[in-house]
Every structure is written in structure tokens, then in C-alpha cells.
Amino acid sequence: MRKRYTAEMKSRIALEILKEEKTLNELSSEHGIHVNQLRQWKKTVLEQLPNLFAREGKELDKIKSGYEKQLEDLYAEIGRLTTQLSWLKKKIWPLGVGKNGSLYSIGRTRNCQLRPKLNSFI
């Protein structure tokens, strides 16, 4: 049966390897892991170490670009809503609102024509 090691254990052992306080043979016998496996973990750590810090910058750039896109979308939505509001104000301006909440039209004559209540505009 094949042994499986957690990432935490691998990283702890790889850190011991990099400290070089003990030889690979000593670490191998201490942890019960073959020397070739320890060499492979050390090689992996040394190869991935420069990328560890480079990823932070990429992730930060990704977050910034997502934020800028969201901000741009929100400003576009504000523009659309402002345009719609000004259009509605122009269309509803000749209308008045009665005491009961119904809209009425003020025509050229002094008579008022009642219209049904429009809750979506009030």
C-alpha cells in the first residue's frame, strides 16, 4: 500500500531539508521516507519558491482588474438610470398627483382628467 503525506507534513519536512541541520539519510530514517522522495520534495520546493511570491502580484492584479470592471459597470448603470429618470420626468411633468395618490393630467382646459394610479412611478 502506498503512503500518502499531507501537504503540511511535506512542507515541514522540506523546511527541515532546506535548513540542512541533518543529512538526507538522517531525515529519511527519522521520518521513514526514502531519500529519493526527499530529494524530489526539495527539488519541487526550490523550483516553486520563486513562483510563490510572483503569484501574489498576479492575484492582486486580478483583484484590481475585477474591481475596476465592477466600478465601470456600476458607473454605466448609474448613467442608464439617470437617463431613464430624466426621460420619465419629462413624460410625467404635465401630470399631477391627487390626494389619493392617483395621477391626473392637467389639460389646456381647467378640467382635470383622472387616470389610474401608477404605483411604479410613485
N, C-alpha and C. Protein backbone atom coordinates (compact mmCIF):
# COMPACT_ATOMS: atom_id res chain seq x y z
N MET A 1 0.83 -1.18 0.00
CA MET A 1 0.00 0.00 0.00
C MET A 1 0.87 1.25 0.00
N ARG A 2 0.46 2.20 -0.76
CA ARG A 2 1.23 3.42 -0.94
C ARG A 2 0.93 4.41 0.18
N LYS A 3 1.99 5.02 0.71
CA LYS A 3 1.81 6.02 1.77
C LYS A 3 1.48 7.37 1.14
N ARG A 4 0.60 8.08 1.82
CA ARG A 4 0.25 9.43 1.37
C ARG A 4 0.58 10.40 2.50
N TYR A 5 1.18 11.52 2.13
CA TYR A 5 1.59 12.52 3.10
C TYR A 5 0.80 13.80 2.85
N THR A 6 0.44 14.44 3.93
CA THR A 6 -0.30 15.70 3.79
C THR A 6 0.66 16.81 3.33
N ALA A 7 0.08 17.85 2.78
CA ALA A 7 0.89 18.97 2.32
C ALA A 7 1.62 19.63 3.49
N GLU A 8 0.97 19.64 4.65
CA GLU A 8 1.59 20.23 5.83
C GLU A 8 2.84 19.45 6.24
N MET A 9 2.74 18.13 6.22
CA MET A 9 3.89 17.30 6.59
C MET A 9 5.02 17.44 5.57
N LYS A 10 4.65 17.45 4.28
CA LYS A 10 5.66 17.61 3.23
C LYS A 10 6.40 18.94 3.39
N SER A 11 5.63 20.00 3.66
CA SER A 11 6.27 21.32 3.78
C SER A 11 7.16 21.37 5.03
N ARG A 12 6.74 20.74 6.12
CA ARG A 12 7.55 20.73 7.33
C ARG A 12 8.86 19.97 7.09
N ILE A 13 8.78 18.84 6.42
CA ILE A 13 9.99 18.04 6.13
C ILE A 13 10.88 18.78 5.13
N ALA A 14 10.27 19.41 4.12
CA ALA A 14 11.05 20.16 3.14
C ALA A 14 11.78 21.32 3.81
N LEU A 15 11.14 21.95 4.79
CA LEU A 15 11.80 23.02 5.53
C LEU A 15 13.00 22.49 6.31
N GLU A 16 12.86 21.32 6.89
CA GLU A 16 13.99 20.68 7.58
C GLU A 16 15.12 20.39 6.60
N ILE A 17 14.77 19.96 5.41
CA ILE A 17 15.78 19.67 4.39
C ILE A 17 16.53 20.95 4.03
N LEU A 18 15.79 22.04 3.85
CA LEU A 18 16.42 23.30 3.47
C LEU A 18 17.29 23.89 4.58
N LYS A 19 16.95 23.61 5.82
CA LYS A 19 17.77 24.09 6.94
C LYS A 19 19.14 23.42 6.96
N GLU A 20 19.21 22.20 6.44
CA GLU A 20 20.45 21.41 6.35
C GLU A 20 21.10 21.18 7.71
N GLU A 21 20.28 21.05 8.74
CA GLU A 21 20.81 20.71 10.06
C GLU A 21 21.10 19.21 10.15
N LYS A 22 20.33 18.43 9.38
CA LYS A 22 20.52 16.98 9.33
C LYS A 22 20.71 16.57 7.88
N THR A 23 21.36 15.45 7.69
CA THR A 23 21.55 14.94 6.33
C THR A 23 20.25 14.31 5.84
N LEU A 24 20.19 14.09 4.54
CA LEU A 24 19.01 13.45 3.96
C LEU A 24 18.83 12.04 4.51
N ASN A 25 19.94 11.35 4.74
CA ASN A 25 19.84 9.99 5.29
C ASN A 25 19.25 10.02 6.70
N GLU A 26 19.66 10.98 7.52
CA GLU A 26 19.12 11.08 8.87
C GLU A 26 17.61 11.39 8.83
N LEU A 27 17.22 12.32 7.97
CA LEU A 27 15.80 12.66 7.85
C LEU A 27 15.00 11.48 7.31
N SER A 28 15.61 10.74 6.38
CA SER A 28 14.95 9.58 5.80
C SER A 28 14.65 8.53 6.87
N SER A 29 15.64 8.23 7.69
CA SER A 29 15.42 7.22 8.73
C SER A 29 14.51 7.76 9.83
N GLU A 30 14.56 9.05 10.12
CA GLU A 30 13.72 9.64 11.16
C GLU A 30 12.24 9.61 10.79
N HIS A 31 11.93 9.93 9.53
CA HIS A 31 10.54 10.01 9.09
C HIS A 31 10.06 8.77 8.34
N GLY A 32 10.96 7.87 8.00
CA GLY A 32 10.57 6.66 7.29
C GLY A 32 10.22 6.92 5.83
N ILE A 33 10.90 7.88 5.23
CA ILE A 33 10.65 8.26 3.84
C ILE A 33 11.95 8.03 3.06
N HIS A 34 11.85 7.49 1.88
CA HIS A 34 13.03 7.20 1.06
C HIS A 34 13.76 8.49 0.70
N VAL A 35 15.08 8.38 0.59
CA VAL A 35 15.93 9.53 0.29
C VAL A 35 15.55 10.16 -1.05
N ASN A 36 15.24 9.34 -2.06
CA ASN A 36 14.88 9.89 -3.37
C ASN A 36 13.61 10.74 -3.29
N GLN A 37 12.68 10.32 -2.44
CA GLN A 37 11.45 11.10 -2.26
C GLN A 37 11.77 12.45 -1.63
N LEU A 38 12.67 12.46 -0.66
CA LEU A 38 13.07 13.71 -0.01
C LEU A 38 13.76 14.64 -1.01
N ARG A 39 14.61 14.06 -1.87
CA ARG A 39 15.27 14.87 -2.91
C ARG A 39 14.25 15.48 -3.86
N GLN A 40 13.23 14.70 -4.20
CA GLN A 40 12.18 15.19 -5.10
C GLN A 40 11.41 16.35 -4.45
N TRP A 41 11.08 16.23 -3.17
CA TRP A 41 10.37 17.30 -2.48
C TRP A 41 11.24 18.56 -2.41
N LYS A 42 12.54 18.38 -2.16
CA LYS A 42 13.45 19.53 -2.10
C LYS A 42 13.51 20.22 -3.46
N LYS A 43 13.60 19.44 -4.52
CA LYS A 43 13.65 19.99 -5.87
C LYS A 43 12.36 20.76 -6.18
N THR A 44 11.23 20.19 -5.80
CA THR A 44 9.93 20.85 -6.03
C THR A 44 9.87 22.18 -5.29
N VAL A 45 10.31 22.18 -4.04
CA VAL A 45 10.28 23.42 -3.25
C VAL A 45 11.17 24.48 -3.88
N LEU A 46 12.36 24.10 -4.27
CA LEU A 46 13.28 25.07 -4.86
C LEU A 46 12.78 25.60 -6.20
N GLU A 47 12.07 24.77 -6.96
CA GLU A 47 11.53 25.23 -8.24
C GLU A 47 10.33 26.15 -8.05
N GLN A 48 9.50 25.86 -7.05
CA GLN A 48 8.26 26.61 -6.84
C GLN A 48 8.44 27.86 -5.98
N LEU A 49 9.54 28.00 -5.30
CA LEU A 49 9.76 29.12 -4.40
C LEU A 49 9.67 30.48 -5.09
N PRO A 50 10.30 30.69 -6.24
CA PRO A 50 10.17 32.00 -6.90
C PRO A 50 8.73 32.31 -7.33
N ASN A 51 7.98 31.28 -7.72
CA ASN A 51 6.59 31.49 -8.14
C ASN A 51 5.68 31.84 -6.98
N LEU A 52 6.08 31.48 -5.79
CA LEU A 52 5.26 31.75 -4.62
C LEU A 52 5.00 33.24 -4.46
N PHE A 53 6.02 34.04 -4.65
CA PHE A 53 5.87 35.49 -4.50
C PHE A 53 5.32 36.14 -5.76
N ALA A 54 5.54 35.54 -6.89
CA ALA A 54 5.02 36.09 -8.15
C ALA A 54 3.50 35.94 -8.21
N ARG A 55 2.96 34.89 -7.64
CA ARG A 55 1.52 34.66 -7.65
C ARG A 55 0.76 35.74 -6.91
N GLU A 56 1.34 36.24 -5.81
CA GLU A 56 0.67 37.28 -5.04
C GLU A 56 0.42 38.51 -5.90
N GLY A 57 1.40 38.88 -6.71
CA GLY A 57 1.25 40.03 -7.59
C GLY A 57 0.19 39.79 -8.64
N LYS A 58 0.15 38.58 -9.19
CA LYS A 58 -0.85 38.24 -10.21
C LYS A 58 -2.25 38.25 -9.61
N GLU A 59 -2.37 37.71 -8.42
CA GLU A 59 -3.69 37.69 -7.77
C GLU A 59 -4.15 39.10 -7.45
N LEU A 60 -3.22 39.94 -7.03
CA LEU A 60 -3.56 41.33 -6.73
C LEU A 60 -4.00 42.06 -7.99
N ASP A 61 -3.29 41.82 -9.10
CA ASP A 61 -3.69 42.42 -10.38
C ASP A 61 -5.05 41.93 -10.83
N LYS A 62 -5.33 40.65 -10.60
CA LYS A 62 -6.62 40.07 -10.97
C LYS A 62 -7.73 40.71 -10.15
N ILE A 63 -7.50 40.90 -8.86
CA ILE A 63 -8.50 41.53 -8.00
C ILE A 63 -8.71 42.98 -8.42
N LYS A 64 -7.63 43.69 -8.72
CA LYS A 64 -7.75 45.08 -9.15
C LYS A 64 -8.54 45.20 -10.45
N SER A 65 -8.25 44.33 -11.42
CA SER A 65 -8.96 44.40 -12.69
C SER A 65 -10.44 44.07 -12.51
N GLY A 66 -10.74 43.12 -11.62
CA GLY A 66 -12.14 42.80 -11.32
C GLY A 66 -12.85 43.98 -10.68
N TYR A 67 -12.16 44.65 -9.77
CA TYR A 67 -12.72 45.83 -9.11
C TYR A 67 -12.96 46.95 -10.11
N GLU A 68 -12.00 47.19 -10.99
CA GLU A 68 -12.16 48.25 -12.00
C GLU A 68 -13.31 47.94 -12.95
N LYS A 69 -13.46 46.67 -13.34
CA LYS A 69 -14.56 46.29 -14.21
C LYS A 69 -15.89 46.50 -13.50
N GLN A 70 -15.96 46.10 -12.24
CA GLN A 70 -17.19 46.29 -11.47
C GLN A 70 -17.52 47.77 -11.33
N LEU A 71 -16.51 48.59 -11.07
CA LEU A 71 -16.72 50.03 -10.95
C LEU A 71 -17.22 50.62 -12.26
N GLU A 72 -16.64 50.18 -13.37
CA GLU A 72 -17.07 50.65 -14.69
C GLU A 72 -18.52 50.26 -14.97
N ASP A 73 -18.88 49.02 -14.62
CA ASP A 73 -20.26 48.56 -14.81
C ASP A 73 -21.24 49.37 -13.96
N LEU A 74 -20.83 49.68 -12.74
CA LEU A 74 -21.72 50.46 -11.87
C LEU A 74 -21.92 51.88 -12.39
N TYR A 75 -20.86 52.50 -12.89
CA TYR A 75 -21.00 53.84 -13.46
C TYR A 75 -21.88 53.81 -14.71
N ALA A 76 -21.77 52.75 -15.50
CA ALA A 76 -22.62 52.62 -16.68
C ALA A 76 -24.08 52.47 -16.25
N GLU A 77 -24.33 51.70 -15.20
CA GLU A 77 -25.69 51.54 -14.69
C GLU A 77 -26.24 52.86 -14.16
N ILE A 78 -25.40 53.62 -13.47
CA ILE A 78 -25.82 54.94 -12.98
C ILE A 78 -26.20 55.83 -14.15
N GLY A 79 -25.42 55.80 -15.22
CA GLY A 79 -25.73 56.59 -16.41
C GLY A 79 -27.07 56.19 -17.03
N ARG A 80 -27.31 54.89 -17.14
CA ARG A 80 -28.58 54.42 -17.70
C ARG A 80 -29.76 54.85 -16.83
N LEU A 81 -29.61 54.70 -15.53
CA LEU A 81 -30.70 55.06 -14.63
C LEU A 81 -30.95 56.57 -14.63
N THR A 82 -29.91 57.35 -14.73
CA THR A 82 -30.07 58.80 -14.80
C THR A 82 -30.80 59.20 -16.06
N THR A 83 -30.47 58.57 -17.17
CA THR A 83 -31.14 58.85 -18.44
C THR A 83 -32.61 58.46 -18.35
N GLN A 84 -32.90 57.30 -17.79
CA GLN A 84 -34.29 56.86 -17.66
C GLN A 84 -35.08 57.80 -16.74
N LEU A 85 -34.45 58.25 -15.67
CA LEU A 85 -35.13 59.15 -14.74
C LEU A 85 -35.46 60.48 -15.41
N SER A 86 -34.52 61.03 -16.15
CA SER A 86 -34.78 62.30 -16.82
C SER A 86 -35.88 62.13 -17.88
N TRP A 87 -35.91 61.00 -18.57
CA TRP A 87 -36.96 60.75 -19.56
C TRP A 87 -38.32 60.66 -18.87
N LEU A 88 -38.35 59.94 -17.74
CA LEU A 88 -39.61 59.81 -17.01
C LEU A 88 -40.09 61.16 -16.47
N LYS A 89 -39.17 61.98 -16.02
CA LYS A 89 -39.55 63.31 -15.52
C LYS A 89 -40.17 64.15 -16.63
N LYS A 90 -39.62 64.03 -17.83
CA LYS A 90 -40.18 64.78 -18.97
C LYS A 90 -41.57 64.28 -19.31
N LYS A 91 -41.77 62.97 -19.23
CA LYS A 91 -43.07 62.40 -19.60
C LYS A 91 -44.12 62.63 -18.52
N ILE A 92 -43.73 62.62 -17.27
CA ILE A 92 -44.68 62.74 -16.17
C ILE A 92 -44.89 64.20 -15.76
N TRP A 93 -44.06 65.11 -16.17
CA TRP A 93 -44.15 66.51 -15.74
C TRP A 93 -45.53 67.11 -15.91
N PRO A 94 -46.23 66.91 -17.03
CA PRO A 94 -47.56 67.51 -17.14
C PRO A 94 -48.59 66.82 -16.25
N LEU A 95 -48.23 65.72 -15.63
CA LEU A 95 -49.16 65.02 -14.76
C LEU A 95 -49.02 65.53 -13.33
N GLY A 96 -50.09 65.50 -12.59
CA GLY A 96 -50.06 65.85 -11.18
C GLY A 96 -50.45 64.65 -10.36
N VAL A 97 -50.31 64.73 -9.05
CA VAL A 97 -50.67 63.64 -8.16
C VAL A 97 -51.77 64.15 -7.24
N GLY A 98 -52.89 63.42 -7.21
CA GLY A 98 -54.00 63.80 -6.35
C GLY A 98 -53.76 63.39 -4.92
N LYS A 99 -54.69 63.79 -4.03
CA LYS A 99 -54.56 63.46 -2.61
C LYS A 99 -54.62 61.96 -2.37
N ASN A 100 -55.37 61.24 -3.19
CA ASN A 100 -55.49 59.79 -3.01
C ASN A 100 -54.38 59.02 -3.73
N GLY A 101 -53.42 59.70 -4.31
CA GLY A 101 -52.29 59.05 -4.96
C GLY A 101 -52.49 58.80 -6.43
N SER A 102 -53.64 59.18 -6.99
CA SER A 102 -53.88 58.94 -8.41
C SER A 102 -53.27 60.08 -9.22
N LEU A 103 -52.84 59.74 -10.42
CA LEU A 103 -52.26 60.74 -11.32
C LEU A 103 -53.38 61.37 -12.14
N TYR A 104 -53.28 62.66 -12.36
CA TYR A 104 -54.24 63.32 -13.23
C TYR A 104 -53.50 64.22 -14.19
N SER A 105 -54.10 64.43 -15.33
CA SER A 105 -53.49 65.22 -16.38
C SER A 105 -54.07 66.63 -16.35
N ILE A 106 -53.21 67.60 -16.43
CA ILE A 106 -53.65 68.99 -16.47
C ILE A 106 -53.67 69.39 -17.94
N GLY A 107 -54.88 69.50 -18.47
CA GLY A 107 -55.02 69.82 -19.88
C GLY A 107 -55.06 71.32 -20.10
N ARG A 108 -55.37 71.73 -21.33
CA ARG A 108 -55.47 73.15 -21.63
C ARG A 108 -56.70 73.78 -20.99
N THR A 109 -57.69 72.93 -20.80
CA THR A 109 -58.88 73.44 -20.11
C THR A 109 -58.69 73.28 -18.63
N ARG A 110 -59.57 73.84 -17.88
CA ARG A 110 -59.45 73.77 -16.43
C ARG A 110 -59.93 72.43 -15.89
N ASN A 111 -60.52 71.60 -16.71
CA ASN A 111 -60.99 70.30 -16.25
C ASN A 111 -59.81 69.34 -16.10
N CYS A 112 -59.87 68.50 -15.10
CA CYS A 112 -58.82 67.50 -14.87
C CYS A 112 -59.35 66.14 -15.26
N GLN A 113 -58.55 65.39 -15.96
CA GLN A 113 -58.94 64.04 -16.35
C GLN A 113 -58.23 63.06 -15.41
N LEU A 114 -58.99 62.26 -14.69
CA LEU A 114 -58.39 61.29 -13.76
C LEU A 114 -57.81 60.13 -14.53
N ARG A 115 -56.70 59.67 -14.07
CA ARG A 115 -56.04 58.50 -14.66
C ARG A 115 -55.82 57.48 -13.55
N PRO A 116 -55.67 56.20 -13.88
CA PRO A 116 -55.46 55.19 -12.84
C PRO A 116 -54.13 55.40 -12.13
N LYS A 117 -54.09 54.95 -10.90
CA LYS A 117 -52.88 55.09 -10.07
C LYS A 117 -51.75 54.25 -10.66
N LEU A 118 -50.58 54.82 -10.78
CA LEU A 118 -49.41 54.14 -11.31
C LEU A 118 -48.40 54.01 -10.17
N ASN A 119 -48.40 52.90 -9.48
CA ASN A 119 -47.52 52.71 -8.33
C ASN A 119 -46.05 52.63 -8.72
N SER A 120 -45.77 52.21 -9.93
CA SER A 120 -44.37 52.05 -10.33
C SER A 120 -43.65 53.39 -10.46
N PHE A 121 -44.39 54.48 -10.61
CA PHE A 121 -43.74 55.77 -10.76
C PHE A 121 -43.73 56.57 -9.47
N ILE A 122 -44.46 56.13 -8.48
CA ILE A 122 -44.56 56.91 -7.24
C ILE A 122 -43.76 56.22 -6.15
